[in-house]
Amino acid sequence: MEFLPVQTLGRLYVEFVACRSSIFPAGPVIANCYVGTTPYRLALVGLGRIGAVHFRNINANPRLELRYVIDVNAEKFAALAPTSKYVADFESIANDAELDGVVVCTPTGDHRRIILAALRAKKAVFCEKPISLNLEELDECYAESVKQNTPLLCGYQRRSDPSFFKLKQSCDSGDIGQVQIVKTMSRDNPVPTIAYLKISGGIFHDCGSHDIDLCRWITGEDPVEVFAAASCFNPEIKAIDDFDTIIVTLKFPSGKIGSIDLSRKAAYGYDQRIEVLGDKGMLQANNRQPTSVILFTESGALSDPNCYSFPQRYEHGYAIELDHFADILAGKTQPQLSHDDARKISIIADAAEESARSGKAVQIVYTPSKF
């Protein structure tokens, strides 16, 4: 795990404000309000892959203060945030009256316990997806949010990515006419560890849920049918009864079609693309490279490879999403991803996996919450 040095955080925040300002009209106004305001005090639970990203972004954002870091191995990170207190479990600090919110980055199996404890202590929660792999537990967490009148945000950072956000705006503005096909491509780099994959919930929930969310978000519809073809080329992944290569086709009520291309390995770098076809044109959001420099010689053209992995590709999306949580804490807005969104993503992911294992198309049934 690698953290950027503290002196780099100011630069990251300036880049983030520039990105947010280019997307959201209120960006510059909000940015001017940051100076001189009391930051919201957060506890970060979990310092794994995604916890490291949020650790950096909390420290980079002047609207936020990292009050606690909760992780069983957190002592070694003390020098990185000397004003924060490191503790082994969330429950011991849940009732701190000065704590405003909790960012949950633990393995999924721990989410429910931490979310419920935080909400019952009246702490706003930002939890990395998925809230739970169990639909009843997901509904229980959102029901508790309503009961306590305390917000719960589920993190799907791709909605906050500047390129994807602009593509969505262009679709909504009618720039390509009637949307007909949405194609997403998500290919991992590097291949996650087997230890992680064992607790990830499988490729449909771990990877595919992001693309399912994008397809629903861009089309503005819920798919009614799904067909998934899946294979596994990695023997270690096959041994845990998961897949590493998938194509998912979604059919929407209006006739729109969604196509999702997933792989656990892209040898050429982290591959994240969207293409949307309309009756009047097409939109594409392509990969990012560390720089835009291209070297041309008699041998051909040479450019930077794709971003190495998700922290680099979505660094601005994660920062903007976290600032959205600050807006929620300030009472300026509601979570951009709702209970309905989170549970439907889970239902569609389950249906896609059922299709892959049965070899048949599955009609998607959106069961109501029991809470």
Protein backbone atom coordinates (compact mmCIF):
# COMPACT_ATOMS: atom_id res chain seq x y z
CA MET A 1 0.00 0.00 0.00
CA GLU A 2 1.39 3.43 -0.96
CA PHE A 3 0.31 6.89 0.21
CA LEU A 4 1.32 10.13 -1.42
CA PRO A 5 3.41 12.50 0.69
CA VAL A 6 1.53 15.17 2.59
CA GLN A 7 3.02 18.01 0.50
CA THR A 8 1.34 16.49 -2.58
CA LEU A 9 -2.15 16.69 -1.11
CA GLY A 10 -2.61 20.41 -1.76
CA ARG A 11 -1.91 19.90 -5.45
CA LEU A 12 -4.41 17.04 -5.59
CA TYR A 13 -7.07 19.23 -4.02
CA VAL A 14 -6.47 22.04 -6.54
CA GLU A 15 -6.79 19.49 -9.37
CA PHE A 16 -9.99 18.15 -7.83
CA VAL A 17 -11.58 21.63 -7.54
CA ALA A 18 -10.72 22.32 -11.18
CA CYS A 19 -12.37 19.03 -12.23
CA ARG A 20 -15.46 19.56 -10.13
CA SER A 21 -15.77 23.15 -11.35
CA SER A 22 -15.66 21.97 -14.97
CA ILE A 23 -18.62 19.64 -14.34
CA PHE A 24 -20.85 21.25 -11.74
CA PRO A 25 -21.88 24.91 -12.19
CA ALA A 26 -21.79 25.43 -8.41
CA GLY A 27 -18.20 24.23 -8.20
CA PRO A 28 -16.38 27.59 -7.93
CA VAL A 29 -18.93 28.93 -5.43
CA ILE A 30 -18.63 25.87 -3.22
CA ALA A 31 -14.85 25.98 -3.46
CA ASN A 32 -14.83 29.57 -2.17
CA CYS A 33 -16.89 28.48 0.82
CA TYR A 34 -14.28 25.96 1.96
CA VAL A 35 -11.91 28.55 3.39
CA GLY A 36 -12.55 29.41 7.04
CA THR A 37 -15.26 26.82 7.65
CA THR A 38 -15.03 24.15 10.34
CA PRO A 39 -14.20 20.84 8.68
CA TYR A 40 -16.44 17.82 9.11
CA ARG A 41 -14.77 15.21 11.33
CA LEU A 42 -14.63 11.70 9.92
CA ALA A 43 -13.66 8.21 10.96
CA LEU A 44 -12.14 6.03 8.26
CA VAL A 45 -12.79 2.33 8.84
CA GLY A 46 -10.43 0.08 6.89
CA LEU A 47 -7.10 0.85 5.23
CA GLY A 48 -7.09 -1.67 2.42
CA ARG A 49 -7.09 -1.00 -1.33
CA ILE A 50 -9.89 1.56 -1.38
CA GLY A 51 -9.27 2.79 2.16
CA ALA A 52 -5.88 4.06 1.02
CA VAL A 53 -7.59 6.15 -1.68
CA HIS A 54 -10.05 7.73 0.76
CA PHE A 55 -7.29 8.28 3.33
CA ARG A 56 -5.47 10.47 0.82
CA ASN A 57 -8.59 12.33 -0.32
CA ILE A 58 -9.85 13.10 3.19
CA ASN A 59 -6.48 14.62 4.04
CA ALA A 60 -6.46 16.58 0.77
CA ASN A 61 -9.90 18.13 1.28
CA PRO A 62 -10.03 21.17 3.62
CA ARG A 63 -13.74 20.56 4.22
CA LEU A 64 -12.85 17.33 6.03
CA GLU A 65 -10.79 16.30 9.02
CA LEU A 66 -9.64 12.75 9.60
CA ARG A 67 -10.36 12.27 13.31
CA TYR A 68 -9.98 8.47 13.56
CA VAL A 69 -8.56 5.64 11.51
CA ILE A 70 -9.86 2.21 12.46
CA ASP A 71 -7.85 -0.77 11.32
CA VAL A 72 -6.31 -3.73 13.10
CA ASN A 73 -2.90 -2.80 11.63
CA ALA A 74 -3.23 0.96 11.73
CA GLU A 75 -0.31 1.86 14.03
CA LYS A 76 2.19 1.97 11.17
CA PHE A 77 0.20 4.77 9.51
CA ALA A 78 0.29 7.12 12.52
CA ALA A 79 3.04 9.31 11.06
CA LEU A 80 0.92 10.05 7.99
CA ALA A 81 -1.89 11.76 9.90
CA PRO A 82 -0.55 12.90 13.27
CA THR A 83 -3.80 14.68 14.21
CA SER A 84 -5.81 11.46 13.81
CA LYS A 85 -6.30 8.81 16.44
CA TYR A 86 -5.84 5.18 15.50
CA VAL A 87 -8.12 2.64 17.14
CA ALA A 88 -8.85 -1.06 16.58
CA ASP A 89 -12.66 -1.03 16.43
CA PHE A 90 -15.35 1.46 15.43
CA GLU A 91 -17.71 0.76 18.32
CA SER A 92 -15.22 2.27 20.80
CA ILE A 93 -15.54 5.74 19.20
CA ALA A 94 -19.06 5.56 17.69
CA ASN A 95 -20.54 7.85 20.35
CA ASP A 96 -17.93 10.61 20.05
CA ALA A 97 -20.16 13.71 19.96
CA GLU A 98 -17.65 15.56 17.77
CA LEU A 99 -17.63 12.89 15.06
CA ASP A 100 -19.77 13.83 12.02
CA GLY A 101 -19.43 10.91 9.64
CA VAL A 102 -17.94 7.51 8.91
CA VAL A 103 -16.27 6.25 5.71
CA VAL A 104 -16.51 2.45 5.55
CA CYS A 105 -13.86 0.63 3.49
CA THR A 106 -13.76 -2.78 5.16
CA PRO A 107 -14.48 -6.14 3.52
CA THR A 108 -18.17 -6.37 2.60
CA GLY A 109 -18.94 -8.88 5.34
CA ASP A 110 -18.24 -6.20 7.97
CA HIS A 111 -20.36 -3.44 6.38
CA ARG A 112 -23.71 -4.13 8.02
CA ARG A 113 -22.36 -4.15 11.59
CA ILE A 114 -20.45 -0.89 11.14
CA ILE A 115 -23.18 0.88 9.19
CA LEU A 116 -25.88 0.07 11.76
CA ALA A 117 -23.65 1.10 14.66
CA ALA A 118 -22.81 4.39 12.96
CA LEU A 119 -26.38 5.24 11.98
CA ARG A 120 -27.66 4.45 15.49
CA ALA A 121 -25.04 6.86 16.80
CA LYS A 122 -26.38 9.49 14.35
CA LYS A 123 -23.24 9.48 12.19
CA ALA A 124 -23.66 9.93 8.44
CA VAL A 125 -22.21 6.99 6.52
CA PHE A 126 -20.34 6.75 3.22
CA CYS A 127 -19.85 3.05 2.50
CA GLU A 128 -17.98 1.60 -0.43
CA LYS A 129 -20.09 -0.64 -2.61
CA PRO A 130 -21.74 -2.98 -2.08
CA ILE A 131 -23.60 -2.20 1.14
CA SER A 132 -24.15 -5.95 1.41
CA LEU A 133 -24.26 -8.99 -0.84
CA ASN A 134 -27.48 -9.92 0.98
CA LEU A 135 -30.49 -7.93 -0.21
CA GLU A 136 -32.28 -8.07 3.15
CA GLU A 137 -29.18 -6.70 4.92
CA LEU A 138 -28.92 -3.92 2.33
CA ASP A 139 -32.57 -3.01 2.91
CA GLU A 140 -32.06 -3.16 6.68
CA CYS A 141 -29.22 -0.62 6.49
CA TYR A 142 -31.26 1.82 4.41
CA ALA A 143 -34.28 1.33 6.69
CA GLU A 144 -32.09 2.27 9.65
CA SER A 145 -30.93 5.36 7.76
CA VAL A 146 -34.57 6.45 7.40
CA LYS A 147 -35.37 5.57 11.01
CA GLN A 148 -32.44 7.60 12.36
CA ASN A 149 -32.92 10.40 9.79
CA THR A 150 -29.22 10.04 9.04
CA PRO A 151 -27.85 9.76 5.48
CA LEU A 152 -26.30 6.64 3.96
CA LEU A 153 -24.27 7.01 0.74
CA CYS A 154 -23.18 3.95 -1.24
CA GLY A 155 -20.02 4.62 -3.21
CA TYR A 156 -20.15 4.15 -6.99
CA GLN A 157 -17.46 6.62 -8.00
CA ARG A 158 -17.86 6.28 -11.77
CA ARG A 159 -20.88 8.59 -11.69
CA SER A 160 -18.47 11.29 -10.46
CA ASP A 161 -15.81 10.70 -13.10
CA PRO A 162 -15.57 13.91 -15.20
CA SER A 163 -15.61 12.09 -18.55
CA PHE A 164 -18.51 9.79 -17.67
CA PHE A 165 -20.46 12.67 -16.14
CA LYS A 166 -20.05 14.72 -19.32
CA LEU A 167 -21.12 11.74 -21.44
CA LYS A 168 -24.26 11.38 -19.30
CA GLN A 169 -25.03 15.10 -19.65
CA SER A 170 -24.62 14.88 -23.42
CA CYS A 171 -27.03 11.93 -23.58
CA ASP A 172 -29.58 13.79 -21.46
CA SER A 173 -29.22 16.88 -23.66
CA GLY A 174 -30.16 14.89 -26.75
CA ASP A 175 -26.84 15.48 -28.50
CA ILE A 176 -26.95 12.01 -30.10
CA GLY A 177 -30.73 11.76 -30.33
CA GLN A 178 -32.46 8.66 -29.00
CA VAL A 179 -30.04 6.38 -27.13
CA GLN A 180 -30.07 2.88 -28.61
CA ILE A 181 -26.98 1.01 -27.37
CA VAL A 182 -24.79 1.52 -24.28
CA LYS A 183 -21.51 -0.43 -24.31
CA THR A 184 -19.16 -0.46 -21.32
CA MET A 185 -15.77 -2.11 -21.01
CA SER A 186 -14.06 -2.77 -17.66
CA ARG A 187 -10.85 -4.78 -17.66
CA ASP A 188 -8.78 -5.01 -14.49
CA ASN A 189 -5.10 -4.43 -13.92
CA PRO A 190 -3.47 -5.96 -12.00
CA VAL A 191 -5.36 -9.19 -11.36
CA PRO A 192 -6.63 -8.94 -7.75
CA THR A 193 -5.20 -11.35 -5.20
CA ILE A 194 -7.01 -14.62 -4.58
CA ALA A 195 -7.36 -13.60 -0.92
CA TYR A 196 -9.32 -10.53 -2.07
CA LEU A 197 -11.35 -12.39 -4.69
CA LYS A 198 -12.51 -14.92 -2.08
CA ILE A 199 -14.29 -12.15 -0.16
CA SER A 200 -15.18 -9.89 -3.11
CA GLY A 201 -18.63 -11.33 -3.77
CA GLY A 202 -17.60 -12.50 -7.24
CA ILE A 203 -17.00 -10.67 -10.48
CA PHE A 204 -20.66 -9.76 -11.06
CA HIS A 205 -20.94 -7.81 -7.78
CA ASP A 206 -17.31 -6.69 -7.49
CA CYS A 207 -16.75 -5.50 -11.08
CA GLY A 208 -20.02 -5.84 -12.94
CA SER A 209 -22.05 -3.79 -10.49
CA HIS A 210 -20.19 -0.64 -11.59
CA ASP A 211 -21.14 -1.22 -15.22
CA ILE A 212 -24.71 -2.16 -14.32
CA ASP A 213 -24.95 1.14 -12.47
CA LEU A 214 -23.60 3.04 -15.48
CA CYS A 215 -26.04 1.36 -17.88
CA ARG A 216 -29.03 2.18 -15.64
CA TRP A 217 -27.76 5.73 -15.06
CA ILE A 218 -27.14 6.51 -18.73
CA THR A 219 -30.35 4.96 -20.06
CA GLY A 220 -32.54 6.12 -17.18
CA GLU A 221 -34.22 2.70 -17.24
CA ASP A 222 -34.18 -0.62 -15.41
CA PRO A 223 -33.39 -3.66 -17.56
CA VAL A 224 -36.06 -6.35 -17.84
CA GLU A 225 -33.88 -9.21 -19.12
CA VAL A 226 -30.24 -10.23 -18.84
CA PHE A 227 -28.08 -12.78 -20.58
CA ALA A 228 -24.49 -13.41 -19.51
CA ALA A 229 -21.79 -15.57 -21.08
CA ALA A 230 -18.87 -16.23 -18.73
CA SER A 231 -15.56 -18.10 -18.80
CA CYS A 232 -12.53 -18.49 -16.56
CA PHE A 233 -9.00 -18.75 -17.91
CA ASN A 234 -7.16 -18.31 -14.61
CA PRO A 235 -7.00 -21.68 -12.78
CA GLU A 236 -6.71 -20.03 -9.36
CA ILE A 237 -9.89 -18.03 -9.95
CA LYS A 238 -11.62 -21.09 -11.37
CA ALA A 239 -10.72 -22.99 -8.19
CA ILE A 240 -12.82 -20.56 -6.12
CA ASP A 241 -15.79 -21.00 -8.51
CA ASP A 242 -15.63 -17.52 -10.00
CA PHE A 243 -15.23 -16.17 -13.53
CA ASP A 244 -12.62 -13.84 -15.03
CA THR A 245 -14.10 -13.07 -18.48
CA ILE A 246 -17.72 -12.03 -19.07
CA ILE A 247 -20.07 -10.50 -21.61
CA VAL A 248 -23.43 -9.29 -20.27
CA THR A 249 -26.36 -8.18 -22.44
CA LEU A 250 -29.16 -6.12 -20.88
CA LYS A 251 -32.55 -5.49 -22.52
CA PHE A 252 -34.46 -2.36 -21.46
CA PRO A 253 -38.22 -1.68 -21.70
CA SER A 254 -37.83 0.97 -24.42
CA GLY A 255 -35.77 -1.34 -26.63
CA LYS A 256 -32.38 0.05 -25.60
CA ILE A 257 -29.62 -2.55 -25.28
CA GLY A 258 -26.74 -2.59 -22.81
CA SER A 259 -23.51 -4.51 -23.41
CA ILE A 260 -20.96 -5.05 -20.63
CA ASP A 261 -17.47 -6.44 -21.32
CA LEU A 262 -15.60 -7.53 -18.16
CA SER A 263 -12.20 -9.09 -17.61
CA ARG A 264 -9.99 -9.57 -14.57
CA LYS A 265 -6.84 -9.02 -16.67
CA ALA A 266 -5.76 -6.34 -19.11
CA ALA A 267 -2.04 -6.85 -19.73
CA TYR A 268 -1.79 -3.41 -21.36
CA GLY A 269 -3.14 -1.46 -18.35
CA TYR A 270 -6.45 -0.66 -16.67
CA ASP A 271 -9.07 -0.46 -19.44
CA GLN A 272 -12.25 1.58 -18.85
CA ARG A 273 -14.36 2.75 -21.79
CA ILE A 274 -17.95 3.65 -22.64
CA GLU A 275 -19.61 4.00 -26.03
CA VAL A 276 -23.19 5.18 -26.53
CA LEU A 277 -24.96 4.95 -29.89
CA GLY A 278 -27.92 7.17 -30.70
CA ASP A 279 -29.97 7.69 -33.84
CA LYS A 280 -28.17 11.01 -34.45
CA GLY A 281 -24.64 10.22 -33.38
CA MET A 282 -22.30 8.49 -30.97
CA LEU A 283 -20.50 9.30 -27.74
CA GLN A 284 -17.27 7.76 -26.46
CA ALA A 285 -15.39 8.09 -23.18
CA ASN A 286 -11.95 6.58 -23.58
CA ASN A 287 -9.05 5.57 -21.35
CA ARG A 288 -6.83 8.01 -19.49
CA GLN A 289 -3.06 8.02 -19.72
CA PRO A 290 -0.69 9.64 -17.20
CA THR A 291 0.27 12.24 -19.84
CA SER A 292 -0.97 13.18 -23.31
CA VAL A 293 2.51 13.23 -24.85
CA ILE A 294 2.97 11.15 -28.03
CA LEU A 295 6.42 10.48 -29.48
CA PHE A 296 6.51 10.16 -33.29
CA THR A 297 9.57 8.63 -34.97
CA GLU A 298 10.29 6.65 -38.12
CA SER A 299 9.35 3.55 -36.12
CA GLY A 300 5.86 4.85 -35.42
CA ALA A 301 4.05 6.57 -32.56
CA LEU A 302 4.55 5.91 -28.86
CA SER A 303 2.29 7.14 -26.06
CA ASP A 304 1.96 6.43 -22.35
CA PRO A 305 0.17 3.21 -21.39
CA ASN A 306 -3.23 3.33 -19.71
CA CYS A 307 -3.44 4.23 -16.05
CA TYR A 308 -2.05 1.41 -13.94
CA SER A 309 -5.22 0.68 -11.93
CA PHE A 310 -8.38 2.14 -10.41
CA PRO A 311 -6.78 4.61 -7.94
CA GLN A 312 -5.02 6.37 -10.81
CA ARG A 313 -7.85 6.16 -13.37
CA TYR A 314 -10.54 7.43 -11.02
CA GLU A 315 -8.53 9.75 -8.75
CA HIS A 316 -10.75 12.73 -9.56
CA GLY A 317 -13.95 10.68 -9.40
CA TYR A 318 -13.11 9.47 -5.89
CA ALA A 319 -12.26 13.00 -4.75
CA ILE A 320 -15.48 14.46 -6.20
CA GLU A 321 -17.53 11.64 -4.66
CA LEU A 322 -16.01 12.33 -1.24
CA ASP A 323 -16.80 16.03 -1.62
CA HIS A 324 -20.37 15.02 -2.45
CA PHE A 325 -20.39 13.34 0.98
CA ALA A 326 -19.27 16.66 2.48
CA ASP A 327 -22.25 18.34 0.75
CA ILE A 328 -24.52 15.69 2.31
CA LEU A 329 -23.03 16.41 5.75
CA ALA A 330 -23.68 20.11 5.14
CA GLY A 331 -27.33 19.40 4.31
CA LYS A 332 -26.91 20.74 0.78
CA THR A 333 -27.96 17.61 -1.09
CA GLN A 334 -29.17 14.01 -0.85
CA PRO A 335 -27.04 10.96 -1.74
CA GLN A 336 -26.74 10.72 -5.52
CA LEU A 337 -27.14 6.95 -5.32
CA SER A 338 -30.39 5.97 -3.60
CA HIS A 339 -31.62 2.87 -1.78
CA ASP A 340 -33.58 1.98 -4.92
CA ASP A 341 -30.42 2.27 -7.03
CA ALA A 342 -28.33 0.12 -4.69
CA ARG A 343 -30.89 -2.70 -4.39
CA LYS A 344 -31.64 -2.81 -8.14
CA ILE A 345 -27.93 -3.00 -8.96
CA SER A 346 -27.70 -5.99 -6.60
CA ILE A 347 -30.78 -7.67 -8.11
CA ILE A 348 -29.43 -7.27 -11.66
CA ALA A 349 -25.99 -8.57 -10.65
CA ASP A 350 -27.61 -11.65 -9.08
CA ALA A 351 -29.68 -12.21 -12.24
CA ALA A 352 -26.60 -11.87 -14.45
CA GLU A 353 -24.74 -14.48 -12.40
CA GLU A 354 -27.77 -16.78 -12.55
CA SER A 355 -27.75 -16.43 -16.33
CA ALA A 356 -24.03 -17.17 -16.57
CA ARG A 357 -24.35 -20.33 -14.49
CA SER A 358 -27.54 -21.57 -16.17
CA GLY A 359 -26.68 -20.57 -19.73
CA LYS A 360 -30.13 -19.04 -20.14
CA ALA A 361 -31.55 -15.53 -20.32
CA VAL A 362 -33.13 -14.41 -17.05
CA GLN A 363 -36.18 -12.19 -16.65
CA ILE A 364 -35.36 -9.68 -13.92
CA VAL A 365 -37.84 -9.45 -11.05
CA TYR A 366 -37.50 -6.40 -8.80
CA THR A 367 -38.79 -7.63 -5.47
CA PRO A 368 -39.88 -4.95 -2.97
CA SER A 369 -38.02 -4.28 0.25
CA LYS A 370 -39.35 -6.06 3.35
CA PHE A 371 -38.59 -3.00 5.48
